[in-house]
């Protein structure tokens, strides 16, 4: 699994590429928790290059969000429609900050 990491305007941005499933969730979790531990004001996961996420990947996102304490922010962005549908159906869209694109996430 490939995950690009970028620092943009004080935000730590993670871009998982292709799939987050049971085989790759552990690596994804390591990167998300490392990003949370950087102390960055914002943690943004940009899903624009993600094609699939399993329940194991959803759990990682939830853990990352719960570990990010105020006033820091944790946001998701760039979801393709079928990825957004997974977050909607699972109920995660009601409890997580999901924005349409990276620019929106950076300015939130």
PDB file of N, CA and C in Angstrom:
ATOM      1  N   UNK A   1       0.842  -1.174   0.000  1.00  0.00           N
ATOM      2  CA  UNK A   1       0.000   0.000   0.000  1.00  0.00           C
ATOM      3  C   UNK A   1       0.886   1.236   0.000  1.00  0.00           C
ATOM      4  N   UNK A   2       0.524   2.176  -0.798  1.00  0.00           N
ATOM      5  CA  UNK A   2       1.250   3.439  -0.849  1.00  0.00           C
ATOM      6  C   UNK A   2       0.411   4.525  -0.169  1.00  0.00           C
ATOM      7  N   UNK A   3       1.085   5.330   0.639  1.00  0.00           N
ATOM      8  CA  UNK A   3       0.440   6.479   1.278  1.00  0.00           C
ATOM      9  C   UNK A   3       1.385   7.658   1.126  1.00  0.00           C
ATOM     10  N   UNK A   4       0.939   8.674   0.422  1.00  0.00           N
ATOM     11  CA  UNK A   4       1.739   9.896   0.331  1.00  0.00           C
ATOM     12  C   UNK A   4       1.472  10.750   1.555  1.00  0.00           C
ATOM     13  N   UNK A   5       2.508  11.410   2.028  1.00  0.00           N
ATOM     14  CA  UNK A   5       2.369  12.331   3.152  1.00  0.00           C
ATOM     15  C   UNK A   5       2.876  13.697   2.726  1.00  0.00           C
ATOM     16  N   UNK A   6       2.134  14.714   3.111  1.00  0.00           N
ATOM     17  CA  UNK A   6       2.511  16.080   2.786  1.00  0.00           C
ATOM     18  C   UNK A   6       2.225  16.964   3.988  1.00  0.00           C
ATOM     19  N   UNK A   7       2.991  18.031   4.107  1.00  0.00           N
ATOM     20  CA  UNK A   7       2.684  19.053   5.093  1.00  0.00           C
ATOM     21  C   UNK A   7       2.314  20.305   4.320  1.00  0.00           C
ATOM     22  N   UNK A   8       1.098  20.786   4.567  1.00  0.00           N
ATOM     23  CA  UNK A   8       0.579  21.949   3.848  1.00  0.00           C
ATOM     24  C   UNK A   8      -0.028  22.913   4.854  1.00  0.00           C
ATOM     25  N   UNK A   9       0.498  24.111   4.916  1.00  0.00           N
ATOM     26  CA  UNK A   9      -0.032  25.157   5.802  1.00  0.00           C
ATOM     27  C   UNK A   9      -0.276  24.671   7.226  1.00  0.00           C
ATOM     28  N   UNK A  10       0.668  23.949   7.795  1.00  0.00           N
ATOM     29  CA  UNK A  10       0.543  23.469   9.170  1.00  0.00           C
ATOM     30  C   UNK A  10      -0.311  22.227   9.329  1.00  0.00           C
ATOM     31  N   UNK A  11      -0.804  21.699   8.230  1.00  0.00           N
ATOM     32  CA  UNK A  11      -1.620  20.480   8.276  1.00  0.00           C
ATOM     33  C   UNK A  11      -0.797  19.284   7.813  1.00  0.00           C
ATOM     34  N   UNK A  12      -1.036  18.147   8.450  1.00  0.00           N
ATOM     35  CA  UNK A  12      -0.433  16.884   8.019  1.00  0.00           C
ATOM     36  C   UNK A  12      -1.467  16.204   7.133  1.00  0.00           C
ATOM     37  N   UNK A  13      -1.127  15.997   5.853  1.00  0.00           N
ATOM     38  CA  UNK A  13      -2.057  15.420   4.881  1.00  0.00           C
ATOM     39  C   UNK A  13      -1.579  14.027   4.491  1.00  0.00           C
ATOM     40  N   UNK A  14      -2.473  13.053   4.607  1.00  0.00           N
ATOM     41  CA  UNK A  14      -2.204  11.682   4.177  1.00  0.00           C
ATOM     42  C   UNK A  14      -3.069  11.378   2.967  1.00  0.00           C
ATOM     43  N   UNK A  15      -2.468  10.752   1.961  1.00  0.00           N
ATOM     44  CA  UNK A  15      -3.201  10.387   0.747  1.00  0.00           C
ATOM     45  C   UNK A  15      -3.013   8.887   0.513  1.00  0.00           C
ATOM     46  N   UNK A  16      -3.950   8.065   1.018  1.00  0.00           N
ATOM     47  CA  UNK A  16      -3.846   6.628   0.749  1.00  0.00           C
ATOM     48  C   UNK A  16      -4.192   6.352  -0.716  1.00  0.00           C
ATOM     49  N   UNK A  17      -3.443   5.459  -1.325  1.00  0.00           N
ATOM     50  CA  UNK A  17      -3.614   5.184  -2.753  1.00  0.00           C
ATOM     51  C   UNK A  17      -4.113   3.755  -2.951  1.00  0.00           C
ATOM     52  N   UNK A  18      -5.130   3.630  -3.751  1.00  0.00           N
ATOM     53  CA  UNK A  18      -5.730   2.367  -4.199  1.00  0.00           C
ATOM     54  C   UNK A  18      -6.664   1.740  -3.163  1.00  0.00           C
ATOM     55  N   UNK A  19      -6.144   0.990  -2.180  1.00  0.00           N
ATOM     56  CA  UNK A  19      -6.998   0.218  -1.279  1.00  0.00           C
ATOM     57  C   UNK A  19      -6.537   0.313   0.171  1.00  0.00           C
ATOM     58  N   UNK A  20      -7.519   0.363   1.065  1.00  0.00           N
ATOM     59  CA  UNK A  20      -7.267   0.132   2.485  1.00  0.00           C
ATOM     60  C   UNK A  20      -8.192  -1.022   2.871  1.00  0.00           C
ATOM     61  N   UNK A  21      -7.592  -2.181   3.084  1.00  0.00           N
ATOM     62  CA  UNK A  21      -8.357  -3.380   3.418  1.00  0.00           C
ATOM     63  C   UNK A  21      -7.673  -4.092   4.584  1.00  0.00           C
ATOM     64  N   UNK A  22      -8.108  -5.292   4.890  1.00  0.00           N
ATOM     65  CA  UNK A  22      -7.550  -5.993   6.050  1.00  0.00           C
ATOM     66  C   UNK A  22      -6.054  -6.253   5.888  1.00  0.00           C
ATOM     67  N   UNK A  23      -5.584  -6.373   4.663  1.00  0.00           N
ATOM     68  CA  UNK A  23      -4.162  -6.625   4.433  1.00  0.00           C
ATOM     69  C   UNK A  23      -3.311  -5.360   4.594  1.00  0.00           C
ATOM     70  N   UNK A  24      -3.916  -4.192   4.412  1.00  0.00           N
ATOM     71  CA  UNK A  24      -3.147  -2.943   4.450  1.00  0.00           C
ATOM     72  C   UNK A  24      -3.518  -2.033   5.615  1.00  0.00           C
ATOM     73  N   UNK A  25      -4.535  -2.399   6.376  1.00  0.00           N
ATOM     74  CA  UNK A  25      -5.028  -1.519   7.448  1.00  0.00           C
ATOM     75  C   UNK A  25      -3.975  -1.265   8.519  1.00  0.00           C
ATOM     76  N   UNK A  26      -3.148  -2.244   8.841  1.00  0.00           N
ATOM     77  CA  UNK A  26      -2.133  -2.065   9.881  1.00  0.00           C
ATOM     78  C   UNK A  26      -1.120  -0.987   9.470  1.00  0.00           C
ATOM     79  N   UNK A  27      -0.684  -1.016   8.227  1.00  0.00           N
ATOM     80  CA  UNK A  27       0.246   0.006   7.732  1.00  0.00           C
ATOM     81  C   UNK A  27      -0.427   1.376   7.716  1.00  0.00           C
ATOM     82  N   UNK A  28      -1.682   1.417   7.303  1.00  0.00           N
ATOM     83  CA  UNK A  28      -2.443   2.661   7.283  1.00  0.00           C
ATOM     84  C   UNK A  28      -2.582   3.214   8.706  1.00  0.00           C
ATOM     85  N   UNK A  29      -2.885   2.328   9.659  1.00  0.00           N
ATOM     86  CA  UNK A  29      -3.029   2.752  11.041  1.00  0.00           C
ATOM     87  C   UNK A  29      -1.716   3.351  11.575  1.00  0.00           C
ATOM     88  N   UNK A  30      -0.620   2.722  11.248  1.00  0.00           N
ATOM     89  CA  UNK A  30       0.668   3.242  11.689  1.00  0.00           C
ATOM     90  C   UNK A  30       0.915   4.653  11.183  1.00  0.00           C
ATOM     91  N   UNK A  31       0.570   4.905   9.942  1.00  0.00           N
ATOM     92  CA  UNK A  31       0.781   6.231   9.359  1.00  0.00           C
ATOM     93  C   UNK A  31      -0.192   7.257   9.936  1.00  0.00           C
ATOM     94  N   UNK A  32      -1.445   6.849  10.141  1.00  0.00           N
ATOM     95  CA  UNK A  32      -2.435   7.769  10.720  1.00  0.00           C
ATOM     96  C   UNK A  32      -2.029   8.139  12.147  1.00  0.00           C
ATOM     97  N   UNK A  33      -1.657   7.164  12.948  1.00  0.00           N
ATOM     98  CA  UNK A  33      -1.274   7.446  14.332  1.00  0.00           C
ATOM     99  C   UNK A  33       0.006   8.279  14.394  1.00  0.00           C
ATOM    100  N   UNK A  34       0.931   8.029  13.488  1.00  0.00           N
ATOM    101  CA  UNK A  34       2.146   8.852  13.433  1.00  0.00           C
ATOM    102  C   UNK A  34       1.790  10.294  13.098  1.00  0.00           C
ATOM    103  N   UNK A  35       0.850  10.478  12.178  1.00  0.00           N
ATOM    104  CA  UNK A  35       0.411  11.830  11.820  1.00  0.00           C
ATOM    105  C   UNK A  35      -0.248  12.519  13.008  1.00  0.00           C
ATOM    106  N   UNK A  36      -1.087  11.785  13.723  1.00  0.00           N
ATOM    107  CA  UNK A  36      -1.739  12.341  14.915  1.00  0.00           C
ATOM    108  C   UNK A  36      -0.689  12.754  15.941  1.00  0.00           C
ATOM    109  N   UNK A  37       0.337  11.944  16.086  1.00  0.00           N
ATOM    110  CA  UNK A  37       1.371  12.205  17.090  1.00  0.00           C
ATOM    111  C   UNK A  37       2.333  13.329  16.703  1.00  0.00           C
ATOM    112  N   UNK A  38       2.259  13.829  15.475  1.00  0.00           N
ATOM    113  CA  UNK A  38       3.142  14.933  15.079  1.00  0.00           C
ATOM    114  C   UNK A  38       2.770  16.222  15.797  1.00  0.00           C
ATOM    115  N   UNK A  39       1.525  16.303  16.259  1.00  0.00           N
ATOM    116  CA  UNK A  39       1.079  17.534  16.910  1.00  0.00           C
ATOM    117  C   UNK A  39       0.610  18.580  15.920  1.00  0.00           C
ATOM    118  N   UNK A  40       0.477  18.218  14.652  1.00  0.00           N
ATOM    119  CA  UNK A  40      -0.007  19.164  13.643  1.00  0.00           C
ATOM    120  C   UNK A  40      -1.389  19.679  14.027  1.00  0.00           C
ATOM    121  N   UNK A  41      -1.666  20.931  13.689  1.00  0.00           N
ATOM    122  CA  UNK A  41      -2.952  21.544  14.014  1.00  0.00           C
ATOM    123  C   UNK A  41      -4.109  20.832  13.324  1.00  0.00           C
ATOM    124  N   UNK A  42      -3.848  20.311  12.128  1.00  0.00           N
ATOM    125  CA  UNK A  42      -4.882  19.589  11.373  1.00  0.00           C
ATOM    126  C   UNK A  42      -4.304  18.299  10.823  1.00  0.00           C
ATOM    127  N   UNK A  43      -5.108  17.258  10.893  1.00  0.00           N
ATOM    128  CA  UNK A  43      -4.812  15.992  10.240  1.00  0.00           C
ATOM    129  C   UNK A  43      -5.869  15.831   9.168  1.00  0.00           C
ATOM    130  N   UNK A  44      -5.423  15.710   7.935  1.00  0.00           N
ATOM    131  CA  UNK A  44      -6.357  15.568   6.810  1.00  0.00           C
ATOM    132  C   UNK A  44      -6.034  14.277   6.080  1.00  0.00           C
ATOM    133  N   UNK A  45      -7.058  13.463   5.870  1.00  0.00           N
ATOM    134  CA  UNK A  45      -6.897  12.278   5.031  1.00  0.00           C
ATOM    135  C   UNK A  45      -7.629  12.570   3.729  1.00  0.00           C
ATOM    136  N   UNK A  46      -6.858  12.654   2.665  1.00  0.00           N
ATOM    137  CA  UNK A  46      -7.373  12.957   1.332  1.00  0.00           C
ATOM    138  C   UNK A  46      -7.601  11.631   0.611  1.00  0.00           C
ATOM    139  N   UNK A  47      -8.866  11.283   0.409  1.00  0.00           N
ATOM    140  CA  UNK A  47      -9.231  10.006  -0.200  1.00  0.00           C
ATOM    141  C   UNK A  47      -9.372  10.081  -1.721  1.00  0.00           C
ATOM    142  N   UNK A  48      -8.871  11.128  -2.351  1.00  0.00           N
ATOM    143  CA  UNK A  48      -9.080  11.319  -3.790  1.00  0.00           C
ATOM    144  C   UNK A  48      -8.460  10.218  -4.651  1.00  0.00           C
ATOM    145  N   UNK A  49      -7.478   9.500  -4.112  1.00  0.00           N
ATOM    146  CA  UNK A  49      -6.847   8.425  -4.880  1.00  0.00           C
ATOM    147  C   UNK A  49      -7.193   7.039  -4.340  1.00  0.00           C
ATOM    148  N   UNK A  50      -8.183   6.987  -3.446  1.00  0.00           N
ATOM    149  CA  UNK A  50      -8.597   5.717  -2.851  1.00  0.00           C
ATOM    150  C   UNK A  50      -9.747   5.110  -3.651  1.00  0.00           C
ATOM    151  N   UNK A  51      -9.625   3.814  -3.945  1.00  0.00           N
ATOM    152  CA  UNK A  51     -10.666   3.109  -4.696  1.00  0.00           C
ATOM    153  C   UNK A  51     -11.498   2.165  -3.832  1.00  0.00           C
ATOM    154  N   UNK A  52     -10.964   1.781  -2.670  1.00  0.00           N
ATOM    155  CA  UNK A  52     -11.677   0.819  -1.823  1.00  0.00           C
ATOM    156  C   UNK A  52     -11.252   1.006  -0.377  1.00  0.00           C
ATOM    157  N   UNK A  53     -12.214   0.922   0.541  1.00  0.00           N
ATOM    158  CA  UNK A  53     -11.917   0.907   1.973  1.00  0.00           C
ATOM    159  C   UNK A  53     -12.813  -0.129   2.638  1.00  0.00           C
ATOM    160  N   UNK A  54     -12.211  -0.973   3.466  1.00  0.00           N
ATOM    161  CA  UNK A  54     -12.964  -2.009   4.178  1.00  0.00           C
ATOM    162  C   UNK A  54     -13.308  -1.526   5.577  1.00  0.00           C
ATOM    163  N   UNK A  55     -13.986  -2.372   6.323  1.00  0.00           N
ATOM    164  CA  UNK A  55     -14.314  -2.030   7.704  1.00  0.00           C
ATOM    165  C   UNK A  55     -13.043  -1.848   8.541  1.00  0.00           C
ATOM    166  N   UNK A  56     -11.983  -2.555   8.208  1.00  0.00           N
ATOM    167  CA  UNK A  56     -10.715  -2.376   8.915  1.00  0.00           C
ATOM    168  C   UNK A  56     -10.172  -0.962   8.682  1.00  0.00           C
ATOM    169  N   UNK A  57     -10.323  -0.461   7.479  1.00  0.00           N
ATOM    170  CA  UNK A  57      -9.905   0.911   7.176  1.00  0.00           C
ATOM    171  C   UNK A  57     -10.776   1.933   7.874  1.00  0.00           C
ATOM    172  N   UNK A  58     -12.065   1.668   7.950  1.00  0.00           N
ATOM    173  CA  UNK A  58     -12.970   2.573   8.665  1.00  0.00           C
ATOM    174  C   UNK A  58     -12.585   2.667  10.140  1.00  0.00           C
ATOM    175  N   UNK A  59     -12.217   1.542  10.726  1.00  0.00           N
ATOM    176  CA  UNK A  59     -11.808   1.527  12.126  1.00  0.00           C
ATOM    177  C   UNK A  59     -10.576   2.406  12.344  1.00  0.00           C
ATOM    178  N   UNK A  60      -9.634   2.346  11.415  1.00  0.00           N
ATOM    179  CA  UNK A  60      -8.425   3.173  11.520  1.00  0.00           C
ATOM    180  C   UNK A  60      -8.791   4.655  11.500  1.00  0.00           C
ATOM    181  N   UNK A  61      -9.693   5.030  10.606  1.00  0.00           N
ATOM    182  CA  UNK A  61     -10.120   6.428  10.523  1.00  0.00           C
ATOM    183  C   UNK A  61     -10.765   6.858  11.835  1.00  0.00           C
ATOM    184  N   UNK A  62     -11.619   6.018  12.395  1.00  0.00           N
ATOM    185  CA  UNK A  62     -12.285   6.342  13.651  1.00  0.00           C
ATOM    186  C   UNK A  62     -11.282   6.482  14.796  1.00  0.00           C
ATOM    187  N   UNK A  63     -10.314   5.585  14.876  1.00  0.00           N
ATOM    188  CA  UNK A  63      -9.288   5.659  15.916  1.00  0.00           C
ATOM    189  C   UNK A  63      -8.502   6.963  15.782  1.00  0.00           C
ATOM    190  N   UNK A  64      -8.116   7.314  14.558  1.00  0.00           N
ATOM    191  CA  UNK A  64      -7.379   8.561  14.339  1.00  0.00           C
ATOM    192  C   UNK A  64      -8.169   9.780  14.752  1.00  0.00           C
ATOM    193  N   UNK A  65      -9.449   9.783  14.412  1.00  0.00           N
ATOM    194  CA  UNK A  65     -10.306  10.912  14.778  1.00  0.00           C
ATOM    195  C   UNK A  65     -10.441  11.025  16.297  1.00  0.00           C
ATOM    196  N   UNK A  66     -10.616   9.898  16.959  1.00  0.00           N
ATOM    197  CA  UNK A  66     -10.779   9.923  18.420  1.00  0.00           C
ATOM    198  C   UNK A  66      -9.502  10.340  19.135  1.00  0.00           C
ATOM    199  N   UNK A  67      -8.354  10.049  18.560  1.00  0.00           N
ATOM    200  CA  UNK A  67      -7.082  10.403  19.186  1.00  0.00           C
ATOM    201  C   UNK A  67      -6.698  11.870  18.960  1.00  0.00           C
ATOM    202  N   UNK A  68      -7.353  12.524  18.026  1.00  0.00           N
ATOM    203  CA  UNK A  68      -7.062  13.928  17.734  1.00  0.00           C
ATOM    204  C   UNK A  68      -7.896  14.787  18.664  1.00  0.00           C
ATOM    205  N   UNK A  69      -7.253  15.437  19.590  1.00  0.00           N
ATOM    206  CA  UNK A  69      -7.946  16.225  20.612  1.00  0.00           C
ATOM    207  C   UNK A  69      -8.037  17.695  20.215  1.00  0.00           C
ATOM    208  N   UNK A  70      -9.146  18.321  20.606  1.00  0.00           N
ATOM    209  CA  UNK A  70      -9.349  19.749  20.356  1.00  0.00           C
ATOM    210  C   UNK A  70      -8.234  20.522  21.045  1.00  0.00           C
ATOM    211  N   UNK A  71      -7.793  21.602  20.489  1.00  0.00           N
ATOM    212  CA  UNK A  71      -8.359  22.334  19.357  1.00  0.00           C
ATOM    213  C   UNK A  71      -7.884  21.833  17.995  1.00  0.00           C
ATOM    214  N   UNK A  72      -7.120  20.737  17.997  1.00  0.00           N
ATOM    215  CA  UNK A  72      -6.670  20.185  16.715  1.00  0.00           C
ATOM    216  C   UNK A  72      -7.866  19.651  15.942  1.00  0.00           C
ATOM    217  N   UNK A  73      -7.700  19.547  14.628  1.00  0.00           N
ATOM    218  CA  UNK A  73      -8.808  19.091  13.786  1.00  0.00           C
ATOM    219  C   UNK A  73      -8.405  17.860  12.988  1.00  0.00           C
ATOM    220  N   UNK A  74      -9.387  17.008  12.739  1.00  0.00           N
ATOM    221  CA  UNK A  74      -9.222  15.794  11.950  1.00  0.00           C
ATOM    222  C   UNK A  74     -10.306  15.826  10.884  1.00  0.00           C
ATOM    223  N   UNK A  75      -9.922  15.798   9.619  1.00  0.00           N
ATOM    224  CA  UNK A  75     -10.906  15.896   8.538  1.00  0.00           C
ATOM    225  C   UNK A  75     -10.575  14.921   7.417  1.00  0.00           C
ATOM    226  N   UNK A  76     -11.610  14.517   6.719  1.00  0.00           N
ATOM    227  CA  UNK A  76     -11.501  13.663   5.547  1.00  0.00           C
ATOM    228  C   UNK A  76     -11.959  14.472   4.341  1.00  0.00           C
ATOM    229  N   UNK A  77     -11.371  14.197   3.192  1.00  0.00           N
ATOM    230  CA  UNK A  77     -11.795  14.941   1.999  1.00  0.00           C
ATOM    231  C   UNK A  77     -11.551  14.130   0.736  1.00  0.00           C
ATOM    232  N   UNK A  78     -12.085  14.645  -0.368  1.00  0.00           N
ATOM    233  CA  UNK A  78     -11.817  14.100  -1.685  1.00  0.00           C
ATOM    234  C   UNK A  78     -12.394  12.726  -1.960  1.00  0.00           C
ATOM    235  N   UNK A  79     -13.479  12.377  -1.299  1.00  0.00           N
ATOM    236  CA  UNK A  79     -14.028  11.033  -1.466  1.00  0.00           C
ATOM    237  C   UNK A  79     -14.745  10.867  -2.803  1.00  0.00           C
ATOM    238  N   UNK A  80     -14.441   9.759  -3.474  1.00  0.00           N
ATOM    239  CA  UNK A  80     -15.205   9.370  -4.657  1.00  0.00           C
ATOM    240  C   UNK A  80     -16.595   8.964  -4.173  1.00  0.00           C
ATOM    241  N   UNK A  81     -17.610   9.040  -5.030  1.00  0.00           N
ATOM    242  CA  UNK A  81     -18.981   8.746  -4.580  1.00  0.00           C
ATOM    243  C   UNK A  81     -19.146   7.389  -3.899  1.00  0.00           C
ATOM    244  N   UNK A  82     -18.509   6.352  -4.405  1.00  0.00           N
ATOM    245  CA  UNK A  82     -18.686   5.028  -3.786  1.00  0.00           C
ATOM    246  C   UNK A  82     -17.982   4.939  -2.427  1.00  0.00           C
ATOM    247  N   UNK A  83     -16.926   5.707  -2.213  1.00  0.00           N
ATOM    248  CA  UNK A  83     -16.278   5.746  -0.897  1.00  0.00           C
ATOM    249  C   UNK A  83     -17.159   6.539   0.068  1.00  0.00           C
ATOM    250  N   UNK A  84     -17.697   7.659  -0.396  1.00  0.00           N
ATOM    251  CA  UNK A  84     -18.600   8.457   0.452  1.00  0.00           C
ATOM    252  C   UNK A  84     -19.808   7.622   0.869  1.00  0.00           C
ATOM    253  N   UNK A  85     -20.312   6.814  -0.032  1.00  0.00           N
ATOM    254  CA  UNK A  85     -21.465   5.973   0.288  1.00  0.00           C
ATOM    255  C   UNK A  85     -21.148   5.017   1.447  1.00  0.00           C
ATOM    256  N   UNK A  86     -19.942   4.483   1.484  1.00  0.00           N
ATOM    257  CA  UNK A  86     -19.538   3.592   2.579  1.00  0.00           C
ATOM    258  C   UNK A  86     -19.578   4.351   3.909  1.00  0.00           C
ATOM    259  N   UNK A  87     -19.094   5.596   3.916  1.00  0.00           N
ATOM    260  CA  UNK A  87     -19.125   6.397   5.135  1.00  0.00           C
ATOM    261  C   UNK A  87     -20.557   6.767   5.521  1.00  0.00           C
ATOM    262  N   UNK A  88     -21.407   7.010   4.536  1.00  0.00           N
ATOM    263  CA  UNK A  88     -22.807   7.335   4.815  1.00  0.00           C
ATOM    264  C   UNK A  88     -23.543   6.128   5.405  1.00  0.00           C
ATOM    265  N   UNK A  89     -23.418   4.976   4.755  1.00  0.00           N
ATOM    266  CA  UNK A  89     -24.127   3.770   5.178  1.00  0.00           C
ATOM    267  C   UNK A  89     -23.650   3.307   6.561  1.00  0.00           C
ATOM    268  N   UNK A  90     -22.354   3.448   6.825  1.00  0.00           N
ATOM    269  CA  UNK A  90     -21.802   3.010   8.109  1.00  0.00           C
ATOM    270  C   UNK A  90     -22.163   3.953   9.254  1.00  0.00           C
ATOM    271  N   UNK A  91     -22.645   5.151   8.917  1.00  0.00           N
ATOM    272  CA  UNK A  91     -22.959   6.146   9.932  1.00  0.00           C
ATOM    273  C   UNK A  91     -21.777   7.021  10.306  1.00  0.00           C
ATOM    274  N   UNK A  92     -20.617   6.741   9.748  1.00  0.00           N
ATOM    275  CA  UNK A  92     -19.422   7.519  10.067  1.00  0.00           C
ATOM    276  C   UNK A  92     -19.529   8.958   9.557  1.00  0.00           C
ATOM    277  N   UNK A  93     -20.304   9.172   8.515  1.00  0.00           N
ATOM    278  CA  UNK A  93     -20.443  10.530   7.968  1.00  0.00           C
ATOM    279  C   UNK A  93     -21.113  11.470   8.971  1.00  0.00           C
ATOM    280  N   UNK A  94     -21.869  10.912   9.905  1.00  0.00           N
ATOM    281  CA  UNK A  94     -22.534  11.736  10.919  1.00  0.00           C
ATOM    282  C   UNK A  94     -21.592  12.158  12.042  1.00  0.00           C
ATOM    283  N   UNK A  95     -20.498  11.425  12.220  1.00  0.00           N
ATOM    284  CA  UNK A  95     -19.627  11.720  13.362  1.00  0.00           C
ATOM    285  C   UNK A  95     -18.244  12.235  12.967  1.00  0.00           C
ATOM    286  N   UNK A  96     -17.932  12.208  11.693  1.00  0.00           N
ATOM    287  CA  UNK A  96     -16.632  12.679  11.215  1.00  0.00           C
ATOM    288  C   UNK A  96     -16.808  13.912  10.347  1.00  0.00           C
ATOM    289  N   UNK A  97     -15.776  14.721  10.268  1.00  0.00           N
ATOM    290  CA  UNK A  97     -15.797  15.881   9.379  1.00  0.00           C
ATOM    291  C   UNK A  97     -15.365  15.418   7.989  1.00  0.00           C
ATOM    292  N   UNK A  98     -16.292  15.514   7.030  1.00  0.00           N
ATOM    293  CA  UNK A  98     -16.012  15.112   5.659  1.00  0.00           C
ATOM    294  C   UNK A  98     -16.279  16.329   4.766  1.00  0.00           C
ATOM    295  N   UNK A  99     -15.244  16.720   4.036  1.00  0.00           N
ATOM    296  CA  UNK A  99     -15.337  17.894   3.174  1.00  0.00           C
ATOM    297  C   UNK A  99     -15.097  17.482   1.723  1.00  0.00           C
ATOM    298  N   UNK A 100     -15.591  18.289   0.779  1.00  0.00           N
ATOM    299  CA  UNK A 100     -15.538  17.861  -0.620  1.00  0.00           C
ATOM    300  C   UNK A 100     -14.132  17.755  -1.221  1.00  0.00           C
ATOM    301  N   UNK A 101     -13.223  18.628  -0.782  1.00  0.00           N
ATOM    302  CA  UNK A 101     -11.899  18.635  -1.392  1.00  0.00           C
ATOM    303  C   UNK A 101     -10.850  19.127  -0.406  1.00  0.00           C
ATOM    304  N   UNK A 102      -9.595  19.018  -0.822  1.00  0.00           N
ATOM    305  CA  UNK A 102      -8.504  19.390   0.074  1.00  0.00           C
ATOM    306  C   UNK A 102      -8.515  20.862   0.429  1.00  0.00           C
ATOM    307  N   UNK A 103      -8.838  21.713  -0.515  1.00  0.00           N
ATOM    308  CA  UNK A 103      -8.888  23.145  -0.229  1.00  0.00           C
ATOM    309  C   UNK A 103      -9.884  23.449   0.888  1.00  0.00           C
ATOM    310  N   UNK A 104     -11.033  22.801   0.842  1.00  0.00           N
ATOM    311  CA  UNK A 104     -12.046  22.984   1.891  1.00  0.00           C
ATOM    312  C   UNK A 104     -11.535  22.481   3.235  1.00  0.00           C
ATOM    313  N   UNK A 105     -10.840  21.341   3.213  1.00  0.00           N
ATOM    314  CA  UNK A 105     -10.319  20.776   4.457  1.00  0.00           C
ATOM    315  C   UNK A 105      -9.232  21.669   5.050  1.00  0.00           C
ATOM    316  N   UNK A 106      -8.393  22.231   4.208  1.00  0.00           N
ATOM    317  CA  UNK A 106      -7.327  23.099   4.708  1.00  0.00           C
ATOM    318  C   UNK A 106      -7.876  24.398   5.299  1.00  0.00           C
ATOM    319  N   UNK A 107      -8.982  24.874   4.750  1.00  0.00           N
ATOM    320  CA  UNK A 107      -9.528  26.149   5.227  1.00  0.00           C
ATOM    321  C   UNK A 107     -10.542  25.981   6.369  1.00  0.00           C
ATOM    322  N   UNK A 108     -10.906  24.736   6.671  1.00  0.00           N
ATOM    323  CA  UNK A 108     -11.899  24.490   7.732  1.00  0.00           C
ATOM    324  C   UNK A 108     -11.315  24.740   9.107  1.00  0.00           C
TER     325      UNK A 108
END
